Amino acid sequence: MFLDLRWTKLSRRQISRKLYANGIPASKNLVSRLLRQQGFHRRKAQKTKTMKQHVDRNAQFEKLAQLKQDYLDKGKTVLSIDTKKKEQLGNYFRDGVTDAAEPTTVNDHDFPSIGHGKLIPHGIYDLKNNEACQHLNTSSDTS
C-alpha cells in the first residue's frame, strides 16, 4: 500500500482512519507501535541540503551596484528601504539583561490576545545625503 513511503505528516489517528477506510482496522496505538517497529519516529525536518547557486546569482547584485553608482554620480537620490522583524507589544520576555533595583516580572507566555498589538519597524535611508528616517508602525503590515 505505502511501499515507497519515507515520511508522512499524517497523524497516527489519520493513518488509522485511512487504514480503516481501506478495510484494515488498526487503532492509533497499533499504528504507533508498527511505525516504531519499522524505524519510524517523530522527527523535525533538518535543514542540511544546500541549494545550488544560480550561475547569474551575483550578476543581479553587480547590476544593482552599478545602477546605484550611476545614479549617485549623476547627483540623483538613491533610497534604501527595509523592514525588520515584527515584535509583539506587551509585558513579554526579551533576551538580554537590565540594571534594575527590583526584579523585572513578565508574562510567562506571549499570546497576542494579552498584548498591545504589533510593532512593525521599517526605515528609509537616503544614500546621497546620508540621512535616514525610521518608522515604528502599528497600524498594518505595509509601510
N, C-alpha and C. Protein backbone atom coordinates (compact mmCIF):
# COMPACT_ATOMS: atom_id res chain seq x y z
N MET A 1 0.83 -1.20 0.00
CA MET A 1 0.00 0.00 0.00
C MET A 1 0.86 1.26 0.00
N PHE A 2 1.85 1.35 0.92
CA PHE A 2 2.71 2.52 1.02
C PHE A 2 4.17 2.09 0.90
N LEU A 3 4.52 1.32 -0.11
CA LEU A 3 5.84 0.72 -0.20
C LEU A 3 6.97 1.74 -0.32
N ASP A 4 6.72 2.84 -0.99
CA ASP A 4 7.77 3.84 -1.20
C ASP A 4 7.76 4.95 -0.15
N LEU A 5 6.91 4.85 0.86
CA LEU A 5 6.74 5.92 1.84
C LEU A 5 8.01 6.09 2.68
N ARG A 6 8.53 7.31 2.74
CA ARG A 6 9.70 7.63 3.55
C ARG A 6 9.33 8.47 4.75
N TRP A 7 8.28 9.27 4.62
CA TRP A 7 7.81 10.12 5.71
C TRP A 7 6.37 10.51 5.45
N THR A 8 5.70 10.95 6.47
CA THR A 8 4.33 11.43 6.34
C THR A 8 4.06 12.49 7.38
N LYS A 9 3.20 13.41 7.05
CA LYS A 9 2.77 14.42 8.02
C LYS A 9 1.43 14.02 8.63
N LEU A 10 0.91 12.86 8.21
CA LEU A 10 -0.35 12.39 8.78
C LEU A 10 -0.14 12.02 10.24
N SER A 11 -1.13 12.30 11.06
CA SER A 11 -1.07 11.88 12.46
C SER A 11 -1.34 10.39 12.52
N ARG A 12 -1.03 9.77 13.66
CA ARG A 12 -1.31 8.36 13.82
C ARG A 12 -2.81 8.10 13.69
N ARG A 13 -3.62 9.00 14.21
CA ARG A 13 -5.07 8.86 14.11
C ARG A 13 -5.52 8.92 12.64
N GLN A 14 -4.92 9.82 11.86
CA GLN A 14 -5.28 9.93 10.44
C GLN A 14 -4.88 8.66 9.68
N ILE A 15 -3.72 8.11 10.02
CA ILE A 15 -3.28 6.85 9.38
C ILE A 15 -4.26 5.75 9.73
N SER A 16 -4.64 5.69 11.00
CA SER A 16 -5.58 4.67 11.46
C SER A 16 -6.89 4.77 10.69
N ARG A 17 -7.39 5.97 10.49
CA ARG A 17 -8.65 6.16 9.76
C ARG A 17 -8.52 5.77 8.29
N LYS A 18 -7.38 6.09 7.68
CA LYS A 18 -7.16 5.73 6.27
C LYS A 18 -7.08 4.21 6.12
N LEU A 19 -6.41 3.56 7.06
CA LEU A 19 -6.34 2.11 7.01
C LEU A 19 -7.73 1.51 7.15
N TYR A 20 -8.52 2.03 8.09
CA TYR A 20 -9.88 1.54 8.31
C TYR A 20 -10.73 1.72 7.04
N ALA A 21 -10.55 2.87 6.38
CA ALA A 21 -11.30 3.13 5.13
C ALA A 21 -10.92 2.13 4.04
N ASN A 22 -9.71 1.54 4.14
CA ASN A 22 -9.25 0.55 3.17
C ASN A 22 -9.46 -0.88 3.68
N GLY A 23 -10.30 -1.03 4.71
CA GLY A 23 -10.64 -2.35 5.20
C GLY A 23 -9.64 -2.96 6.16
N ILE A 24 -8.76 -2.14 6.72
CA ILE A 24 -7.75 -2.64 7.66
C ILE A 24 -7.95 -1.94 8.99
N PRO A 25 -8.69 -2.57 9.92
CA PRO A 25 -8.89 -1.92 11.21
C PRO A 25 -7.60 -1.90 12.01
N ALA A 26 -7.16 -0.71 12.40
CA ALA A 26 -5.94 -0.56 13.20
C ALA A 26 -6.10 0.68 14.07
N SER A 27 -5.94 0.49 15.36
CA SER A 27 -6.08 1.62 16.28
C SER A 27 -4.88 2.55 16.15
N LYS A 28 -5.04 3.73 16.71
CA LYS A 28 -3.94 4.70 16.73
C LYS A 28 -2.73 4.11 17.45
N ASN A 29 -2.96 3.41 18.55
CA ASN A 29 -1.86 2.81 19.31
C ASN A 29 -1.14 1.72 18.50
N LEU A 30 -1.91 0.93 17.77
CA LEU A 30 -1.30 -0.11 16.93
C LEU A 30 -0.46 0.54 15.83
N VAL A 31 -0.98 1.61 15.22
CA VAL A 31 -0.23 2.33 14.19
C VAL A 31 1.09 2.84 14.78
N SER A 32 1.05 3.43 15.97
CA SER A 32 2.26 3.93 16.62
C SER A 32 3.27 2.81 16.83
N ARG A 33 2.79 1.67 17.32
CA ARG A 33 3.70 0.55 17.60
C ARG A 33 4.31 0.02 16.30
N LEU A 34 3.50 -0.14 15.27
CA LEU A 34 4.01 -0.64 13.99
C LEU A 34 5.01 0.32 13.36
N LEU A 35 4.74 1.61 13.46
CA LEU A 35 5.69 2.59 12.91
C LEU A 35 7.02 2.52 13.64
N ARG A 36 6.97 2.42 14.97
CA ARG A 36 8.22 2.30 15.74
C ARG A 36 8.99 1.05 15.34
N GLN A 37 8.28 -0.06 15.17
CA GLN A 37 8.93 -1.32 14.79
C GLN A 37 9.61 -1.21 13.44
N GLN A 38 9.08 -0.36 12.56
CA GLN A 38 9.66 -0.19 11.23
C GLN A 38 10.71 0.93 11.19
N GLY A 39 11.02 1.49 12.36
CA GLY A 39 12.06 2.52 12.42
C GLY A 39 11.57 3.93 12.19
N PHE A 40 10.26 4.15 12.18
CA PHE A 40 9.71 5.49 12.00
C PHE A 40 9.55 6.14 13.37
N HIS A 41 10.02 7.36 13.50
CA HIS A 41 9.90 8.13 14.74
C HIS A 41 9.47 9.54 14.40
N ARG A 42 8.86 10.23 15.36
CA ARG A 42 8.52 11.63 15.16
C ARG A 42 9.81 12.42 15.02
N ARG A 43 9.93 13.18 13.98
CA ARG A 43 11.14 13.94 13.72
C ARG A 43 10.78 15.31 13.17
N LYS A 44 11.67 16.23 13.39
CA LYS A 44 11.56 17.54 12.75
C LYS A 44 12.48 17.52 11.53
N ALA A 45 12.09 18.24 10.49
CA ALA A 45 12.94 18.34 9.31
C ALA A 45 14.23 19.06 9.67
N GLN A 46 15.33 18.60 9.11
CA GLN A 46 16.62 19.22 9.35
C GLN A 46 17.08 19.92 8.08
N LYS A 47 17.44 21.17 8.22
CA LYS A 47 17.90 21.93 7.06
C LYS A 47 19.37 21.66 6.83
N THR A 48 19.66 20.68 5.99
CA THR A 48 21.06 20.34 5.72
C THR A 48 21.40 20.42 4.24
N LYS A 49 20.39 20.37 3.39
CA LYS A 49 20.64 20.43 1.95
C LYS A 49 20.87 21.87 1.53
N THR A 50 21.91 22.09 0.78
CA THR A 50 22.17 23.45 0.29
C THR A 50 21.64 23.57 -1.13
N MET A 51 21.12 24.73 -1.41
CA MET A 51 20.62 25.00 -2.76
C MET A 51 21.82 25.33 -3.64
N LYS A 52 21.77 24.85 -4.87
CA LYS A 52 22.84 25.19 -5.80
C LYS A 52 22.70 26.64 -6.22
N GLN A 53 23.83 27.32 -6.29
CA GLN A 53 23.76 28.72 -6.69
C GLN A 53 23.54 28.83 -8.19
N HIS A 54 22.70 29.76 -8.56
CA HIS A 54 22.45 30.03 -9.95
C HIS A 54 23.69 30.70 -10.53
N VAL A 55 24.00 30.38 -11.77
CA VAL A 55 25.22 30.92 -12.38
C VAL A 55 25.20 32.45 -12.45
N ASP A 56 24.00 33.06 -12.55
CA ASP A 56 23.89 34.51 -12.65
C ASP A 56 23.54 35.17 -11.32
N ARG A 57 23.67 34.43 -10.21
CA ARG A 57 23.25 34.96 -8.91
C ARG A 57 23.95 36.28 -8.59
N ASN A 58 25.23 36.36 -8.79
CA ASN A 58 25.97 37.58 -8.44
C ASN A 58 25.72 38.72 -9.43
N ALA A 59 25.31 38.37 -10.64
CA ALA A 59 25.11 39.39 -11.68
C ALA A 59 24.05 40.42 -11.26
N GLN A 60 22.98 39.97 -10.59
CA GLN A 60 21.93 40.91 -10.20
C GLN A 60 22.46 41.93 -9.20
N PHE A 61 23.33 41.49 -8.28
CA PHE A 61 23.88 42.42 -7.29
C PHE A 61 24.89 43.37 -7.92
N GLU A 62 25.65 42.87 -8.89
CA GLU A 62 26.59 43.73 -9.61
C GLU A 62 25.82 44.79 -10.40
N LYS A 63 24.72 44.39 -11.02
CA LYS A 63 23.90 45.33 -11.80
C LYS A 63 23.31 46.40 -10.88
N LEU A 64 22.79 46.00 -9.72
CA LEU A 64 22.24 46.97 -8.77
C LEU A 64 23.32 47.92 -8.27
N ALA A 65 24.50 47.41 -7.99
CA ALA A 65 25.60 48.26 -7.51
C ALA A 65 25.99 49.27 -8.59
N GLN A 66 26.01 48.83 -9.85
CA GLN A 66 26.36 49.73 -10.95
C GLN A 66 25.30 50.81 -11.13
N LEU A 67 24.02 50.42 -11.08
CA LEU A 67 22.93 51.39 -11.20
C LEU A 67 22.98 52.40 -10.06
N LYS A 68 23.22 51.91 -8.86
CA LYS A 68 23.30 52.80 -7.69
C LYS A 68 24.41 53.82 -7.89
N GLN A 69 25.57 53.36 -8.31
CA GLN A 69 26.70 54.28 -8.50
C GLN A 69 26.43 55.27 -9.63
N ASP A 70 25.79 54.79 -10.70
CA ASP A 70 25.44 55.69 -11.81
C ASP A 70 24.51 56.81 -11.35
N TYR A 71 23.50 56.47 -10.56
CA TYR A 71 22.56 57.47 -10.05
C TYR A 71 23.27 58.45 -9.12
N LEU A 72 24.11 57.93 -8.22
CA LEU A 72 24.81 58.82 -7.29
C LEU A 72 25.77 59.75 -8.03
N ASP A 73 26.46 59.23 -9.07
CA ASP A 73 27.38 60.04 -9.87
C ASP A 73 26.65 61.17 -10.58
N LYS A 74 25.39 60.96 -10.92
CA LYS A 74 24.59 61.98 -11.59
C LYS A 74 23.89 62.90 -10.60
N GLY A 75 24.14 62.71 -9.30
CA GLY A 75 23.54 63.55 -8.28
C GLY A 75 22.10 63.19 -7.95
N LYS A 76 21.67 62.02 -8.38
CA LYS A 76 20.30 61.61 -8.11
C LYS A 76 20.22 60.91 -6.75
N THR A 77 19.04 60.93 -6.20
CA THR A 77 18.82 60.30 -4.90
C THR A 77 18.65 58.80 -5.06
N VAL A 78 19.26 58.05 -4.16
CA VAL A 78 19.09 56.59 -4.09
C VAL A 78 18.58 56.27 -2.70
N LEU A 79 17.44 55.60 -2.64
CA LEU A 79 16.85 55.25 -1.36
C LEU A 79 17.00 53.75 -1.09
N SER A 80 17.31 53.44 0.13
CA SER A 80 17.32 52.06 0.59
C SER A 80 16.19 51.92 1.59
N ILE A 81 15.28 51.00 1.32
CA ILE A 81 14.10 50.83 2.16
C ILE A 81 14.11 49.40 2.71
N ASP A 82 13.91 49.29 4.01
CA ASP A 82 14.00 47.98 4.64
C ASP A 82 13.00 47.89 5.79
N THR A 83 12.56 46.69 6.07
CA THR A 83 11.70 46.46 7.22
C THR A 83 12.35 45.39 8.09
N LYS A 84 12.05 45.40 9.35
CA LYS A 84 12.63 44.44 10.29
C LYS A 84 11.54 43.57 10.89
N LYS A 85 11.94 42.64 11.68
CA LYS A 85 11.03 41.67 12.30
C LYS A 85 9.95 42.36 13.11
N LYS A 86 8.73 41.87 12.95
CA LYS A 86 7.62 42.39 13.74
C LYS A 86 7.80 41.95 15.19
N GLU A 87 7.46 42.81 16.11
CA GLU A 87 7.56 42.49 17.53
C GLU A 87 6.21 42.70 18.19
N GLN A 88 5.83 41.78 19.04
CA GLN A 88 4.61 41.94 19.82
C GLN A 88 4.85 42.98 20.90
N LEU A 89 3.89 43.84 21.12
CA LEU A 89 3.98 44.83 22.18
C LEU A 89 3.28 44.30 23.43
N GLY A 90 3.95 44.40 24.56
CA GLY A 90 3.35 43.95 25.80
C GLY A 90 4.41 43.59 26.81
N ASN A 91 3.98 43.08 27.92
CA ASN A 91 4.86 42.72 29.02
C ASN A 91 5.42 41.31 28.77
N TYR A 92 6.26 41.19 27.74
CA TYR A 92 6.80 39.90 27.31
C TYR A 92 8.28 39.79 27.63
N PHE A 93 8.75 38.55 27.69
CA PHE A 93 10.17 38.28 27.92
C PHE A 93 10.97 38.70 26.69
N ARG A 94 12.10 39.32 26.93
CA ARG A 94 13.06 39.67 25.87
C ARG A 94 14.44 39.21 26.33
N ASP A 95 15.23 38.70 25.40
CA ASP A 95 16.60 38.31 25.74
C ASP A 95 17.39 39.53 26.20
N GLY A 96 18.38 39.31 27.02
CA GLY A 96 19.23 40.39 27.48
C GLY A 96 19.04 40.64 28.96
N VAL A 97 19.78 41.60 29.46
CA VAL A 97 19.71 41.94 30.88
C VAL A 97 19.46 43.43 31.03
N THR A 98 18.99 43.81 32.20
CA THR A 98 18.79 45.22 32.52
C THR A 98 19.35 45.48 33.91
N ASP A 99 19.73 46.70 34.16
CA ASP A 99 20.13 47.10 35.51
C ASP A 99 18.88 47.65 36.18
N ALA A 100 18.50 47.04 37.28
CA ALA A 100 17.28 47.46 37.97
C ALA A 100 17.41 47.17 39.46
N ALA A 101 16.72 47.95 40.26
CA ALA A 101 16.73 47.75 41.70
C ALA A 101 15.83 46.59 42.10
N GLU A 102 14.83 46.30 41.28
CA GLU A 102 13.87 45.24 41.58
C GLU A 102 13.85 44.26 40.41
N PRO A 103 13.48 43.02 40.66
CA PRO A 103 13.36 42.06 39.56
C PRO A 103 12.31 42.52 38.55
N THR A 104 12.56 42.24 37.29
CA THR A 104 11.60 42.54 36.23
C THR A 104 10.71 41.32 36.04
N THR A 105 9.42 41.48 36.21
CA THR A 105 8.50 40.37 36.02
C THR A 105 7.76 40.56 34.71
N VAL A 106 7.62 39.45 33.98
CA VAL A 106 6.95 39.49 32.68
C VAL A 106 5.99 38.32 32.59
N ASN A 107 5.11 38.37 31.59
CA ASN A 107 4.17 37.27 31.35
C ASN A 107 4.95 36.01 30.97
N ASP A 108 4.43 34.85 31.37
CA ASP A 108 5.11 33.61 31.05
C ASP A 108 4.80 33.11 29.64
N HIS A 109 3.85 33.73 28.95
CA HIS A 109 3.54 33.40 27.56
C HIS A 109 3.37 34.70 26.78
N ASP A 110 3.59 34.62 25.48
CA ASP A 110 3.45 35.82 24.65
C ASP A 110 2.26 35.71 23.71
N PHE A 111 1.10 35.42 24.28
CA PHE A 111 -0.12 35.35 23.48
C PHE A 111 -0.49 36.74 22.97
N PRO A 112 -0.77 36.86 21.67
CA PRO A 112 -1.17 38.17 21.14
C PRO A 112 -2.40 38.75 21.83
N SER A 113 -3.28 37.88 22.33
CA SER A 113 -4.52 38.36 22.95
C SER A 113 -4.28 39.14 24.24
N ILE A 114 -3.12 38.96 24.89
CA ILE A 114 -2.84 39.71 26.12
C ILE A 114 -1.88 40.87 25.86
N GLY A 115 -1.53 41.06 24.61
CA GLY A 115 -0.60 42.12 24.26
C GLY A 115 -1.29 43.41 23.87
N HIS A 116 -0.50 44.30 23.33
CA HIS A 116 -0.99 45.62 22.93
C HIS A 116 -0.75 45.86 21.44
N GLY A 117 -0.83 44.80 20.64
CA GLY A 117 -0.62 44.93 19.21
C GLY A 117 0.79 44.54 18.79
N LYS A 118 1.11 44.92 17.55
CA LYS A 118 2.43 44.62 16.99
C LYS A 118 3.13 45.91 16.59
N LEU A 119 4.44 45.85 16.62
CA LEU A 119 5.26 46.95 16.16
C LEU A 119 5.98 46.48 14.91
N ILE A 120 5.84 47.23 13.82
CA ILE A 120 6.48 46.88 12.56
C ILE A 120 7.48 47.97 12.21
N PRO A 121 8.78 47.76 12.53
CA PRO A 121 9.77 48.80 12.22
C PRO A 121 10.20 48.75 10.75
N HIS A 122 10.28 49.89 10.14
CA HIS A 122 10.85 49.98 8.80
C HIS A 122 11.52 51.34 8.64
N GLY A 123 12.48 51.39 7.75
CA GLY A 123 13.23 52.62 7.59
C GLY A 123 13.55 52.93 6.15
N ILE A 124 13.89 54.19 5.93
CA ILE A 124 14.28 54.68 4.61
C ILE A 124 15.61 55.40 4.78
N TYR A 125 16.60 55.01 3.97
CA TYR A 125 17.92 55.63 4.05
C TYR A 125 18.24 56.29 2.71
N ASP A 126 18.58 57.56 2.75
CA ASP A 126 18.97 58.34 1.57
C ASP A 126 20.48 58.27 1.45
N LEU A 127 20.98 57.48 0.49
CA LEU A 127 22.43 57.29 0.35
C LEU A 127 23.13 58.58 -0.05
N LYS A 128 22.50 59.38 -0.91
CA LYS A 128 23.13 60.61 -1.40
C LYS A 128 23.38 61.59 -0.26
N ASN A 129 22.40 61.81 0.59
CA ASN A 129 22.51 62.80 1.66
C ASN A 129 22.90 62.20 3.01
N ASN A 130 23.08 60.88 3.05
CA ASN A 130 23.43 60.19 4.29
C ASN A 130 22.46 60.53 5.41
N GLU A 131 21.17 60.42 5.07
CA GLU A 131 20.11 60.70 6.04
C GLU A 131 19.16 59.52 6.10
N ALA A 132 18.60 59.30 7.26
CA ALA A 132 17.68 58.17 7.42
C ALA A 132 16.47 58.58 8.24
N CYS A 133 15.43 57.82 8.06
CA CYS A 133 14.20 58.01 8.83
C CYS A 133 13.68 56.63 9.18
N GLN A 134 13.34 56.45 10.43
CA GLN A 134 12.80 55.16 10.85
C GLN A 134 11.37 55.34 11.32
N HIS A 135 10.50 54.42 10.89
CA HIS A 135 9.09 54.44 11.28
C HIS A 135 8.81 53.22 12.15
N LEU A 136 8.06 53.42 13.20
CA LEU A 136 7.61 52.34 14.05
C LEU A 136 6.10 52.26 13.87
N ASN A 137 5.68 51.41 12.98
CA ASN A 137 4.28 51.36 12.58
C ASN A 137 3.53 50.31 13.40
N THR A 138 2.29 50.57 13.73
CA THR A 138 1.46 49.59 14.42
C THR A 138 0.15 49.36 13.70
N SER A 139 -0.10 50.08 12.62
CA SER A 139 -1.42 50.06 12.01
C SER A 139 -1.62 48.93 11.00
N SER A 140 -0.56 48.50 10.31
CA SER A 140 -0.71 47.45 9.31
C SER A 140 0.65 46.85 8.98
N ASP A 141 0.64 45.80 8.14
CA ASP A 141 1.89 45.14 7.78
C ASP A 141 2.63 45.85 6.66
N THR A 142 2.01 46.81 6.01
CA THR A 142 2.67 47.50 4.91
C THR A 142 3.09 48.90 5.35
N SER A 143 4.18 49.33 4.82
CA SER A 143 4.66 50.66 5.21
C SER A 143 3.89 51.73 4.45
